[in-house]
Amino acid sequence: MAVDIAERVMQVIAKTQHIYVASFSPDSTFEEMKIDSLDGINIVFAVENEFGIDVPDDAMKALRSVRDVINGVEKLLAEKAAEPTA
């Protein structure tokens, strides 16, 4: 499942930034990719829509790389899965 999440996150980033997935890796930093804070916000919104999650503002500020986004999505999905259903 983690590979699928990583691939989906990378697809979202590629789509929002209009770049090829092959042009970056999970270990790429936003600085290397020339992604600024506004681009980061757009990526977070797209990730939230893709996965049906809400990224907390404080977590959003800590995102500095593709790996940060992947790890954050995995954590939020795990928390969501652990929530009791009403």
N, C-alpha and C. Protein backbone atom coordinates (compact mmCIF):
# COMPACT_ATOMS: atom_id res chain seq x y z
N MET A 1 0.83 -1.21 0.00
CA MET A 1 0.00 0.00 0.00
C MET A 1 0.87 1.26 0.00
N ALA A 2 1.98 1.24 0.72
CA ALA A 2 2.82 2.43 0.81
C ALA A 2 3.36 2.84 -0.55
N VAL A 3 3.69 1.87 -1.41
CA VAL A 3 4.18 2.20 -2.75
C VAL A 3 3.08 2.91 -3.54
N ASP A 4 1.86 2.42 -3.42
CA ASP A 4 0.73 3.04 -4.11
C ASP A 4 0.54 4.48 -3.64
N ILE A 5 0.66 4.72 -2.35
CA ILE A 5 0.52 6.08 -1.81
C ILE A 5 1.62 6.96 -2.36
N ALA A 6 2.85 6.47 -2.36
CA ALA A 6 3.98 7.26 -2.87
C ALA A 6 3.75 7.61 -4.34
N GLU A 7 3.31 6.63 -5.12
CA GLU A 7 3.06 6.88 -6.55
C GLU A 7 1.96 7.92 -6.74
N ARG A 8 0.89 7.78 -5.95
CA ARG A 8 -0.22 8.74 -6.07
C ARG A 8 0.19 10.14 -5.66
N VAL A 9 0.98 10.26 -4.58
CA VAL A 9 1.47 11.57 -4.15
C VAL A 9 2.33 12.18 -5.25
N MET A 10 3.20 11.38 -5.83
CA MET A 10 4.08 11.90 -6.87
C MET A 10 3.29 12.31 -8.11
N GLN A 11 2.24 11.58 -8.43
CA GLN A 11 1.37 11.95 -9.55
C GLN A 11 0.68 13.29 -9.28
N VAL A 12 0.20 13.48 -8.06
CA VAL A 12 -0.46 14.73 -7.69
C VAL A 12 0.53 15.90 -7.81
N ILE A 13 1.73 15.70 -7.30
CA ILE A 13 2.75 16.77 -7.38
C ILE A 13 3.07 17.07 -8.84
N ALA A 14 3.26 16.03 -9.64
CA ALA A 14 3.58 16.23 -11.06
C ALA A 14 2.46 17.00 -11.76
N LYS A 15 1.22 16.63 -11.46
CA LYS A 15 0.09 17.29 -12.11
C LYS A 15 -0.02 18.75 -11.68
N THR A 16 0.09 19.03 -10.39
CA THR A 16 -0.07 20.41 -9.92
C THR A 16 1.08 21.30 -10.38
N GLN A 17 2.28 20.72 -10.54
CA GLN A 17 3.45 21.50 -10.92
C GLN A 17 3.73 21.46 -12.43
N HIS A 18 2.94 20.69 -13.16
CA HIS A 18 3.10 20.56 -14.61
C HIS A 18 4.51 20.09 -14.96
N ILE A 19 4.93 19.01 -14.26
CA ILE A 19 6.25 18.42 -14.52
C ILE A 19 6.07 16.91 -14.66
N TYR A 20 7.08 16.26 -15.21
CA TYR A 20 7.04 14.81 -15.37
C TYR A 20 7.40 14.13 -14.06
N VAL A 21 6.72 13.04 -13.76
CA VAL A 21 7.01 12.28 -12.55
C VAL A 21 8.46 11.81 -12.57
N ALA A 22 8.97 11.46 -13.75
CA ALA A 22 10.34 10.97 -13.87
C ALA A 22 11.39 12.04 -13.57
N SER A 23 10.97 13.30 -13.48
CA SER A 23 11.93 14.38 -13.25
C SER A 23 12.26 14.60 -11.77
N PHE A 24 11.62 13.83 -10.88
CA PHE A 24 11.91 13.95 -9.45
C PHE A 24 11.71 12.60 -8.78
N SER A 25 12.18 12.51 -7.54
CA SER A 25 12.07 11.26 -6.79
C SER A 25 11.47 11.56 -5.42
N PRO A 26 11.16 10.52 -4.66
CA PRO A 26 10.65 10.76 -3.31
C PRO A 26 11.63 11.54 -2.44
N ASP A 27 12.91 11.48 -2.78
CA ASP A 27 13.92 12.17 -1.98
C ASP A 27 14.19 13.59 -2.46
N SER A 28 13.49 14.05 -3.47
CA SER A 28 13.67 15.42 -3.97
C SER A 28 13.09 16.41 -2.97
N THR A 29 13.81 17.52 -2.79
CA THR A 29 13.30 18.57 -1.92
C THR A 29 12.53 19.58 -2.76
N PHE A 30 11.64 20.30 -2.10
CA PHE A 30 10.89 21.33 -2.82
C PHE A 30 11.83 22.41 -3.34
N GLU A 31 12.88 22.69 -2.58
CA GLU A 31 13.85 23.70 -3.02
C GLU A 31 14.51 23.27 -4.34
N GLU A 32 14.92 22.00 -4.41
CA GLU A 32 15.52 21.47 -5.65
C GLU A 32 14.54 21.56 -6.82
N MET A 33 13.26 21.37 -6.51
CA MET A 33 12.23 21.35 -7.55
C MET A 33 11.69 22.75 -7.86
N LYS A 34 12.23 23.76 -7.17
CA LYS A 34 11.78 25.15 -7.36
C LYS A 34 10.30 25.32 -6.99
N ILE A 35 9.88 24.61 -5.93
CA ILE A 35 8.51 24.70 -5.44
C ILE A 35 8.51 25.70 -4.29
N ASP A 36 7.75 26.78 -4.45
CA ASP A 36 7.68 27.80 -3.40
C ASP A 36 6.48 27.52 -2.48
N SER A 37 6.27 28.41 -1.52
CA SER A 37 5.21 28.17 -0.53
C SER A 37 3.81 28.15 -1.15
N LEU A 38 3.57 28.97 -2.16
CA LEU A 38 2.27 28.96 -2.82
C LEU A 38 2.05 27.64 -3.56
N ASP A 39 3.09 27.17 -4.24
CA ASP A 39 3.01 25.87 -4.90
C ASP A 39 2.75 24.78 -3.86
N GLY A 40 3.41 24.90 -2.71
CA GLY A 40 3.22 23.91 -1.64
C GLY A 40 1.78 23.86 -1.17
N ILE A 41 1.15 25.02 -1.05
CA ILE A 41 -0.26 25.07 -0.64
C ILE A 41 -1.13 24.38 -1.69
N ASN A 42 -0.85 24.64 -2.96
CA ASN A 42 -1.61 24.00 -4.04
C ASN A 42 -1.43 22.48 -4.01
N ILE A 43 -0.21 22.04 -3.73
CA ILE A 43 0.04 20.60 -3.63
C ILE A 43 -0.76 20.01 -2.47
N VAL A 44 -0.76 20.68 -1.33
CA VAL A 44 -1.51 20.18 -0.16
C VAL A 44 -3.00 20.08 -0.47
N PHE A 45 -3.57 21.10 -1.10
CA PHE A 45 -4.99 21.04 -1.46
C PHE A 45 -5.27 19.87 -2.39
N ALA A 46 -4.39 19.66 -3.36
CA ALA A 46 -4.58 18.55 -4.31
C ALA A 46 -4.45 17.20 -3.60
N VAL A 47 -3.51 17.10 -2.67
CA VAL A 47 -3.33 15.86 -1.91
C VAL A 47 -4.55 15.60 -1.03
N GLU A 48 -5.06 16.65 -0.40
CA GLU A 48 -6.27 16.50 0.43
C GLU A 48 -7.43 15.97 -0.40
N ASN A 49 -7.60 16.50 -1.60
CA ASN A 49 -8.68 16.05 -2.48
C ASN A 49 -8.46 14.62 -2.94
N GLU A 50 -7.23 14.29 -3.30
CA GLU A 50 -6.90 12.95 -3.81
C GLU A 50 -7.15 11.87 -2.76
N PHE A 51 -6.80 12.15 -1.51
CA PHE A 51 -6.86 11.12 -0.47
C PHE A 51 -8.01 11.29 0.51
N GLY A 52 -8.77 12.37 0.41
CA GLY A 52 -9.89 12.59 1.32
C GLY A 52 -9.44 12.83 2.75
N ILE A 53 -8.36 13.60 2.90
CA ILE A 53 -7.81 13.89 4.23
C ILE A 53 -7.74 15.40 4.43
N ASP A 54 -7.52 15.80 5.68
CA ASP A 54 -7.29 17.21 6.01
C ASP A 54 -5.90 17.33 6.61
N VAL A 55 -5.05 18.11 5.96
CA VAL A 55 -3.69 18.33 6.45
C VAL A 55 -3.72 19.51 7.41
N PRO A 56 -3.30 19.31 8.67
CA PRO A 56 -3.28 20.42 9.64
C PRO A 56 -2.31 21.51 9.18
N ASP A 57 -2.63 22.75 9.52
CA ASP A 57 -1.79 23.88 9.12
C ASP A 57 -0.35 23.75 9.60
N ASP A 58 -0.17 23.28 10.84
CA ASP A 58 1.20 23.16 11.35
C ASP A 58 1.98 22.10 10.58
N ALA A 59 1.32 21.04 10.15
CA ALA A 59 1.98 20.01 9.34
C ALA A 59 2.32 20.55 7.96
N MET A 60 1.45 21.39 7.43
CA MET A 60 1.66 21.97 6.11
C MET A 60 2.95 22.78 6.08
N LYS A 61 3.20 23.51 7.15
CA LYS A 61 4.40 24.36 7.23
C LYS A 61 5.68 23.55 7.28
N ALA A 62 5.60 22.30 7.72
CA ALA A 62 6.79 21.47 7.88
C ALA A 62 7.18 20.72 6.61
N LEU A 63 6.38 20.80 5.57
CA LEU A 63 6.66 20.06 4.35
C LEU A 63 7.80 20.71 3.57
N ARG A 64 8.87 19.95 3.38
CA ARG A 64 10.05 20.47 2.67
C ARG A 64 10.48 19.57 1.51
N SER A 65 9.87 18.38 1.42
CA SER A 65 10.28 17.44 0.37
C SER A 65 9.12 16.55 -0.03
N VAL A 66 9.32 15.83 -1.12
CA VAL A 66 8.32 14.87 -1.58
C VAL A 66 8.12 13.81 -0.50
N ARG A 67 9.22 13.37 0.12
CA ARG A 67 9.14 12.35 1.17
C ARG A 67 8.30 12.85 2.35
N ASP A 68 8.42 14.13 2.70
CA ASP A 68 7.61 14.69 3.79
C ASP A 68 6.12 14.55 3.47
N VAL A 69 5.76 14.81 2.22
CA VAL A 69 4.35 14.71 1.82
C VAL A 69 3.89 13.26 1.89
N ILE A 70 4.70 12.35 1.35
CA ILE A 70 4.35 10.92 1.37
C ILE A 70 4.16 10.44 2.81
N ASN A 71 5.13 10.75 3.67
CA ASN A 71 5.04 10.31 5.08
C ASN A 71 3.82 10.92 5.77
N GLY A 72 3.54 12.18 5.49
CA GLY A 72 2.39 12.84 6.09
C GLY A 72 1.07 12.22 5.66
N VAL A 73 0.97 11.91 4.38
CA VAL A 73 -0.25 11.27 3.87
C VAL A 73 -0.42 9.90 4.51
N GLU A 74 0.66 9.13 4.57
CA GLU A 74 0.57 7.80 5.18
C GLU A 74 0.11 7.90 6.64
N LYS A 75 0.66 8.87 7.37
CA LYS A 75 0.29 9.06 8.78
C LYS A 75 -1.19 9.45 8.90
N LEU A 76 -1.63 10.40 8.08
CA LEU A 76 -3.02 10.85 8.17
C LEU A 76 -4.00 9.75 7.75
N LEU A 77 -3.63 8.96 6.75
CA LEU A 77 -4.49 7.85 6.34
C LEU A 77 -4.57 6.78 7.43
N ALA A 78 -3.45 6.53 8.12
CA ALA A 78 -3.45 5.56 9.22
C ALA A 78 -4.33 6.05 10.36
N GLU A 79 -4.24 7.34 10.67
CA GLU A 79 -5.08 7.92 11.72
C GLU A 79 -6.56 7.83 11.34
N LYS A 80 -6.84 8.11 10.07
CA LYS A 80 -8.22 8.07 9.59
C LYS A 80 -8.76 6.64 9.67
N ALA A 81 -7.94 5.66 9.32
CA ALA A 81 -8.35 4.26 9.35
C ALA A 81 -8.58 3.78 10.78
N ALA A 82 -7.86 4.37 11.73
CA ALA A 82 -7.98 3.97 13.13
C ALA A 82 -9.18 4.60 13.84
N GLU A 83 -9.78 5.61 13.22
CA GLU A 83 -10.92 6.27 13.84
C GLU A 83 -12.12 5.33 13.88
N PRO A 84 -12.82 5.32 14.99
CA PRO A 84 -14.03 4.49 15.05
C PRO A 84 -15.11 5.05 14.11
N THR A 85 -15.80 4.18 13.46
CA THR A 85 -16.88 4.64 12.57
C THR A 85 -18.12 4.92 13.37
N ALA A 86 -18.80 5.97 13.00
CA ALA A 86 -19.98 6.39 13.76
C ALA A 86 -21.21 5.67 13.28
